[in-house]
C-alpha atoms as a PDB file:
ATOM      1  CA  MET A   1      30.656  42.175  37.485  1.00  0.00           C
ATOM      2  CA  ALA A   2      27.360  40.457  38.177  1.00  0.00           C
ATOM      3  CA  ALA A   3      25.531  42.274  35.366  1.00  0.00           C
ATOM      4  CA  PRO A   4      27.674  40.932  32.481  1.00  0.00           C
ATOM      5  CA  PHE A   5      27.503  37.443  34.015  1.00  0.00           C
ATOM      6  CA  MET A   6      23.697  37.570  34.202  1.00  0.00           C
ATOM      7  CA  VAL A   7      23.262  39.166  30.758  1.00  0.00           C
ATOM      8  CA  GLU A   8      25.574  36.652  29.089  1.00  0.00           C
ATOM      9  CA  GLY A   9      23.791  33.749  30.755  1.00  0.00           C
ATOM     10  CA  LEU A  10      20.399  35.052  29.676  1.00  0.00           C
ATOM     11  CA  ALA A  11      21.536  35.913  26.144  1.00  0.00           C
ATOM     12  CA  THR A  12      22.495  32.302  25.486  1.00  0.00           C
ATOM     13  CA  GLN A  13      19.043  31.127  26.585  1.00  0.00           C
ATOM     14  CA  LEU A  14      16.650  33.705  25.090  1.00  0.00           C
ATOM     15  CA  ASP A  15      15.225  31.387  22.442  1.00  0.00           C
ATOM     16  CA  GLU A  16      15.217  28.221  24.525  1.00  0.00           C
ATOM     17  CA  LEU A  17      13.471  29.901  27.469  1.00  0.00           C
ATOM     18  CA  GLN A  18      11.128  31.788  25.103  1.00  0.00           C
ATOM     19  CA  ILE A  19      11.864  35.149  26.720  1.00  0.00           C
ATOM     20  CA  ILE A  20       9.911  37.830  24.828  1.00  0.00           C
ATOM     21  CA  ASP A  21      10.985  40.856  26.873  1.00  0.00           C
ATOM     22  CA  LEU A  22      14.179  41.379  28.875  1.00  0.00           C
ATOM     23  CA  LYS A  23      15.269  44.344  30.974  1.00  0.00           C
ATOM     24  CA  VAL A  24      18.473  44.590  33.009  1.00  0.00           C
ATOM     25  CA  ILE A  25      18.882  47.573  35.322  1.00  0.00           C
ATOM     26  CA  ILE A  26      22.104  48.364  37.139  1.00  0.00           C
ATOM     27  CA  GLY A  27      21.725  50.770  40.060  1.00  0.00           C
ATOM     28  CA  LYS A  28      24.194  53.262  41.493  1.00  0.00           C
ATOM     29  CA  ALA A  29      24.755  51.139  44.590  1.00  0.00           C
ATOM     30  CA  GLY A  30      25.567  48.062  42.502  1.00  0.00           C
ATOM     31  CA  GLU A  31      22.131  46.510  42.630  1.00  0.00           C
ATOM     32  CA  LEU A  32      21.055  44.426  39.664  1.00  0.00           C
ATOM     33  CA  VAL A  33      17.423  44.088  38.619  1.00  0.00           C
ATOM     34  CA  VAL A  34      16.482  41.597  35.921  1.00  0.00           C
ATOM     35  CA  SER A  35      12.993  41.509  34.472  1.00  0.00           C
ATOM     36  CA  ALA A  36      12.098  38.807  31.967  1.00  0.00           C
ATOM     37  CA  GLY A  37       8.785  38.587  30.151  1.00  0.00           C
ATOM     38  CA  PHE A  38       7.131  35.386  28.990  1.00  0.00           C
ATOM     39  CA  GLU A  39       4.105  34.753  26.833  1.00  0.00           C
ATOM     40  CA  ASP A  40       2.346  32.628  29.443  1.00  0.00           C
ATOM     41  CA  ALA A  41       2.737  30.883  32.791  1.00  0.00           C
ATOM     42  CA  LYS A  42       3.821  27.617  31.143  1.00  0.00           C
ATOM     43  CA  THR A  43       6.938  29.188  29.629  1.00  0.00           C
ATOM     44  CA  LEU A  44       7.657  31.019  32.889  1.00  0.00           C
ATOM     45  CA  LYS A  45       7.579  27.724  34.806  1.00  0.00           C
ATOM     46  CA  LYS A  46       9.893  26.195  32.206  1.00  0.00           C
ATOM     47  CA  ALA A  47      12.422  28.969  32.946  1.00  0.00           C
ATOM     48  CA  ASP A  48      12.242  28.615  36.755  1.00  0.00           C
ATOM     49  CA  PRO A  49      15.051  26.018  37.053  1.00  0.00           C
ATOM     50  CA  PHE A  50      17.359  28.141  34.897  1.00  0.00           C
ATOM     51  CA  PHE A  51      16.826  31.236  37.058  1.00  0.00           C
ATOM     52  CA  ALA A  52      17.240  29.211  40.265  1.00  0.00           C
ATOM     53  CA  GLU A  53      20.563  27.862  38.970  1.00  0.00           C
ATOM     54  CA  MET A  54      21.747  31.356  37.954  1.00  0.00           C
ATOM     55  CA  ILE A  55      20.937  32.721  41.405  1.00  0.00           C
ATOM     56  CA  GLU A  56      22.741  29.860  43.158  1.00  0.00           C
ATOM     57  CA  THR A  57      25.815  30.439  40.963  1.00  0.00           C
ATOM     58  CA  MET A  58      25.712  34.161  41.731  1.00  0.00           C
ATOM     59  CA  LYS A  59      25.433  33.480  45.469  1.00  0.00           C
ATOM     60  CA  LYS A  60      28.655  31.480  45.277  1.00  0.00           C
ATOM     61  CA  SER A  61      30.471  34.046  43.130  1.00  0.00           C
ATOM     62  CA  PHE A  62      29.368  37.490  44.321  1.00  0.00           C
ATOM     63  CA  LEU A  63      28.376  39.356  47.451  1.00  0.00           C
ATOM     64  CA  PHE A  64      24.677  38.713  47.218  1.00  0.00           C
ATOM     65  CA  ARG A  65      21.528  39.923  48.927  1.00  0.00           C
ATOM     66  CA  VAL A  66      18.041  38.867  47.909  1.00  0.00           C
ATOM     67  CA  ASN A  67      14.959  40.972  48.514  1.00  0.00           C
ATOM     68  CA  VAL A  68      11.887  38.760  48.483  1.00  0.00           C
ATOM     69  CA  PHE A  69       8.387  40.140  48.200  1.00  0.00           C
ATOM     70  CA  ASP A  70       5.603  37.655  48.881  1.00  0.00           C
ATOM     71  CA  ALA A  71       2.648  37.660  46.497  1.00  0.00           C
ATOM     72  CA  VAL A  72       4.022  40.341  44.224  1.00  0.00           C
ATOM     73  CA  ALA A  73       3.595  39.967  40.502  1.00  0.00           C
ATOM     74  CA  VAL A  74       4.515  42.568  37.942  1.00  0.00           C
ATOM     75  CA  MET A  75       2.625  42.350  34.695  1.00  0.00           C
ATOM     76  CA  ASN A  76       3.889  44.285  31.700  1.00  0.00           C
ATOM     77  CA  LEU A  77       2.088  44.232  28.389  1.00  0.00           C
ATOM     78  CA  ASN A  78       4.619  44.474  25.602  1.00  0.00           C
ATOM     79  CA  ALA A  79       2.574  45.602  22.609  1.00  0.00           C
ATOM     80  CA  GLU A  80       5.494  45.176  20.200  1.00  0.00           C
ATOM     81  CA  ALA A  81       5.901  41.497  21.082  1.00  0.00           C
ATOM     82  CA  ILE A  82       2.172  40.858  20.844  1.00  0.00           C
ATOM     83  CA  GLU A  83       2.033  42.492  17.397  1.00  0.00           C
ATOM     84  CA  ALA A  84       4.975  40.420  16.170  1.00  0.00           C
ATOM     85  CA  LYS A  85       3.409  37.209  17.491  1.00  0.00           C
ATOM     86  CA  THR A  86       0.041  38.057  15.892  1.00  0.00           C
ATOM     87  CA  SER A  87       1.717  38.799  12.554  1.00  0.00           C
ATOM     88  CA  ALA A  88       3.677  35.541  12.703  1.00  0.00           C
ATOM     89  CA  ARG A  89       0.505  33.554  13.390  1.00  0.00           C
ATOM     90  CA  ALA A  90      -1.341  35.303  10.549  1.00  0.00           C
ATOM     91  CA  ALA A  91       1.501  34.554   8.116  1.00  0.00           C
ATOM     92  CA  ALA A  92       1.540  30.840   9.074  1.00  0.00           C
END
């Protein structure tokens, strides 16, 4: 149940939050992993309040456990998004 809630919430905000890459993984044990990619740190910081609000809503609605890893950052280069952005800039 949490996955459709999270996906629907994110889908309505893709453009506003400037999410360029989104992955949602649902595990066998019911775990939900959401990975969102942003062009830069500025757009990531803009999205922080939205994600904090989503997590608080989920904590109130679902059985919820958070795994926190200090100082972990996952960087994923999405070549397709970079190509599209480069083409858009060249066309402008």
